[in-house]
N, C-alpha and C. Protein backbone atom coordinates (compact mmCIF):
# COMPACT_ATOMS: atom_id res chain seq x y z
N MET A 1 2.55 -20.59 20.44
CA MET A 1 2.45 -20.03 19.09
C MET A 1 2.33 -18.50 19.20
N ALA A 2 3.12 -17.92 18.35
CA ALA A 2 3.12 -16.48 18.33
C ALA A 2 1.88 -15.86 17.72
N LYS A 3 1.46 -14.73 18.34
CA LYS A 3 0.25 -14.14 17.87
C LYS A 3 0.57 -13.14 16.75
N LEU A 4 -0.06 -13.32 15.54
CA LEU A 4 0.14 -12.48 14.41
C LEU A 4 -0.94 -11.39 14.32
N GLU A 5 -0.56 -10.24 13.95
CA GLU A 5 -1.54 -9.16 13.65
C GLU A 5 -1.45 -8.94 12.16
N ASN A 6 -2.55 -8.56 11.55
CA ASN A 6 -2.63 -8.25 10.15
C ASN A 6 -3.31 -6.81 10.00
N ASP A 7 -2.84 -6.23 9.01
CA ASP A 7 -3.34 -4.79 8.71
C ASP A 7 -3.32 -4.57 7.31
N LEU A 8 -4.04 -3.40 6.84
CA LEU A 8 -4.12 -3.08 5.41
C LEU A 8 -4.01 -1.66 5.29
N ASP A 9 -3.20 -1.13 4.29
CA ASP A 9 -3.28 0.17 3.89
C ASP A 9 -3.79 0.29 2.49
N ILE A 10 -4.65 1.30 2.25
CA ILE A 10 -5.18 1.47 0.88
C ILE A 10 -4.69 2.81 0.41
N TYR A 11 -3.89 2.88 -0.67
CA TYR A 11 -3.38 4.04 -1.29
C TYR A 11 -4.21 4.33 -2.45
N TYR A 12 -4.84 5.49 -2.48
CA TYR A 12 -5.73 5.97 -3.56
C TYR A 12 -4.89 6.79 -4.59
N ALA A 13 -4.89 6.41 -5.79
CA ALA A 13 -4.18 7.19 -6.83
C ALA A 13 -4.98 7.34 -8.03
N VAL A 14 -4.71 8.56 -8.62
CA VAL A 14 -5.51 8.97 -9.74
C VAL A 14 -4.45 8.98 -10.88
N GLY A 15 -4.97 8.43 -12.01
CA GLY A 15 -4.06 8.30 -13.25
C GLY A 15 -3.34 7.05 -13.23
N ASN A 16 -2.79 6.66 -14.39
CA ASN A 16 -2.15 5.40 -14.58
C ASN A 16 -0.68 5.55 -14.57
N ALA A 17 -0.06 6.70 -14.40
CA ALA A 17 1.32 6.88 -14.31
C ALA A 17 1.88 7.04 -12.93
N ASN A 18 2.97 6.51 -12.59
CA ASN A 18 3.62 6.78 -11.32
C ASN A 18 4.28 8.13 -11.33
N THR A 19 3.94 8.98 -10.50
CA THR A 19 4.64 10.27 -10.39
C THR A 19 5.59 10.11 -9.22
N GLN A 20 6.46 11.07 -9.15
CA GLN A 20 7.50 11.03 -8.03
C GLN A 20 6.79 11.29 -6.76
N ARG A 21 5.78 12.12 -6.71
CA ARG A 21 4.92 12.38 -5.56
C ARG A 21 4.34 11.02 -5.01
N GLN A 22 3.75 10.26 -5.87
CA GLN A 22 3.17 9.03 -5.49
C GLN A 22 4.24 8.00 -5.05
N GLU A 23 5.41 7.94 -5.76
CA GLU A 23 6.43 7.09 -5.23
C GLU A 23 6.87 7.49 -3.81
N ASN A 24 7.03 8.81 -3.61
CA ASN A 24 7.51 9.26 -2.35
C ASN A 24 6.45 8.96 -1.23
N GLU A 25 5.22 9.02 -1.56
CA GLU A 25 4.22 8.81 -0.52
C GLU A 25 4.19 7.30 -0.25
N ILE A 26 4.31 6.38 -1.19
CA ILE A 26 4.33 4.98 -0.95
C ILE A 26 5.53 4.60 -0.17
N GLU A 27 6.75 5.20 -0.58
CA GLU A 27 7.93 4.92 0.18
C GLU A 27 7.81 5.30 1.65
N ALA A 28 7.19 6.43 1.95
CA ALA A 28 6.99 6.88 3.36
C ALA A 28 6.09 5.94 4.07
N ILE A 29 5.10 5.39 3.45
CA ILE A 29 4.24 4.42 4.14
C ILE A 29 5.05 3.14 4.45
N MET A 30 5.77 2.73 3.52
CA MET A 30 6.53 1.47 3.76
C MET A 30 7.64 1.63 4.76
N LYS A 31 8.26 2.74 4.84
CA LYS A 31 9.35 3.05 5.86
C LYS A 31 8.74 3.15 7.26
N LYS A 32 7.57 3.85 7.36
CA LYS A 32 6.83 3.87 8.62
C LYS A 32 6.46 2.55 9.10
N ARG A 33 5.91 1.72 8.35
CA ARG A 33 5.45 0.36 8.74
C ARG A 33 6.61 -0.53 9.06
N ASN A 34 7.70 -0.52 8.25
CA ASN A 34 8.89 -1.33 8.53
C ASN A 34 9.42 -0.93 9.86
N SER A 35 9.67 0.37 10.08
CA SER A 35 10.21 0.73 11.34
C SER A 35 9.41 0.39 12.60
N ALA A 36 8.11 0.18 12.34
CA ALA A 36 7.26 -0.30 13.47
C ALA A 36 7.14 -1.77 13.58
N GLY A 37 7.93 -2.50 12.84
CA GLY A 37 7.97 -3.98 12.82
C GLY A 37 7.04 -4.70 11.97
N TRP A 38 6.44 -4.03 11.03
CA TRP A 38 5.45 -4.69 10.13
C TRP A 38 6.22 -5.25 8.94
N LYS A 39 5.78 -6.37 8.35
CA LYS A 39 6.32 -6.93 7.24
C LYS A 39 5.30 -6.95 6.19
N LEU A 40 5.70 -6.42 4.94
CA LEU A 40 4.82 -6.43 3.77
C LEU A 40 4.63 -7.85 3.21
N ILE A 41 3.43 -8.36 3.19
CA ILE A 41 3.22 -9.76 2.81
C ILE A 41 2.57 -9.91 1.42
N SER A 42 1.97 -8.77 0.96
CA SER A 42 1.26 -8.90 -0.32
C SER A 42 0.86 -7.55 -0.82
N THR A 43 0.76 -7.35 -2.02
CA THR A 43 0.17 -6.19 -2.61
C THR A 43 -0.85 -6.44 -3.71
N SER A 44 -1.72 -5.60 -3.90
CA SER A 44 -2.74 -5.72 -4.98
C SER A 44 -3.10 -4.43 -5.52
N THR A 45 -3.57 -4.38 -6.68
CA THR A 45 -4.15 -3.14 -7.27
C THR A 45 -5.51 -3.43 -7.88
N ALA A 46 -6.21 -2.39 -8.00
CA ALA A 46 -7.53 -2.53 -8.57
C ALA A 46 -7.88 -1.23 -9.30
N ILE A 47 -8.44 -1.40 -10.53
CA ILE A 47 -8.93 -0.12 -11.25
C ILE A 47 -10.37 0.02 -10.71
N VAL A 48 -10.67 1.20 -10.15
CA VAL A 48 -11.96 1.36 -9.64
C VAL A 48 -12.83 2.34 -10.60
N ASP A 49 -12.16 2.97 -11.47
CA ASP A 49 -12.86 3.88 -12.42
C ASP A 49 -12.06 3.96 -13.64
N THR A 50 -12.50 3.19 -14.72
CA THR A 50 -11.72 3.21 -15.90
C THR A 50 -11.80 4.50 -16.65
N LYS A 51 -12.86 5.13 -16.53
CA LYS A 51 -13.11 6.43 -17.25
C LYS A 51 -12.02 7.49 -16.88
N ASN A 52 -11.92 7.62 -15.55
CA ASN A 52 -11.00 8.56 -14.95
C ASN A 52 -9.64 8.10 -14.66
N GLN A 53 -9.52 6.73 -14.94
CA GLN A 53 -8.11 6.10 -14.55
C GLN A 53 -7.74 6.15 -13.19
N PHE A 54 -8.74 5.89 -12.30
CA PHE A 54 -8.55 5.94 -10.95
C PHE A 54 -8.31 4.50 -10.28
N SER A 55 -7.24 4.32 -9.65
CA SER A 55 -6.86 2.99 -9.08
C SER A 55 -6.53 3.05 -7.68
N ASN A 56 -6.55 1.85 -7.00
CA ASN A 56 -6.08 1.69 -5.60
C ASN A 56 -4.97 0.78 -5.54
N LEU A 57 -4.17 0.97 -4.58
CA LEU A 57 -2.99 0.08 -4.29
C LEU A 57 -3.26 -0.41 -2.85
N TYR A 58 -3.36 -1.75 -2.70
CA TYR A 58 -3.59 -2.36 -1.40
C TYR A 58 -2.35 -2.93 -0.87
N LEU A 59 -1.90 -2.56 0.34
CA LEU A 59 -0.62 -3.09 0.89
C LEU A 59 -1.07 -3.91 2.10
N PHE A 60 -0.83 -5.20 2.12
CA PHE A 60 -1.23 -6.12 3.22
C PHE A 60 0.08 -6.35 4.12
N TRP A 61 -0.20 -6.21 5.42
CA TRP A 61 1.00 -6.22 6.33
C TRP A 61 0.70 -7.29 7.49
N GLU A 62 1.84 -7.81 8.03
CA GLU A 62 1.78 -8.73 9.16
C GLU A 62 2.81 -8.37 10.19
N LYS A 63 2.53 -8.64 11.38
CA LYS A 63 3.39 -8.20 12.52
C LYS A 63 3.22 -9.35 13.58
N LYS A 64 4.38 -9.81 14.00
CA LYS A 64 4.45 -10.81 15.15
C LYS A 64 4.46 -10.13 16.41
């Protein structure tokens, strides 16, 4: 049976709008992980501060 590795990236974002900078940073994370053999298996978001509209993006990865 193949050994699986799991990992997690947490992307911290301020505000509720996707800016081009945020999109570029997330794209860079995904390209780096994919080139290293990781497969994105799930994503999740969480609002951590509603007053300041601060949220987190969680990227869950798997690698064989």
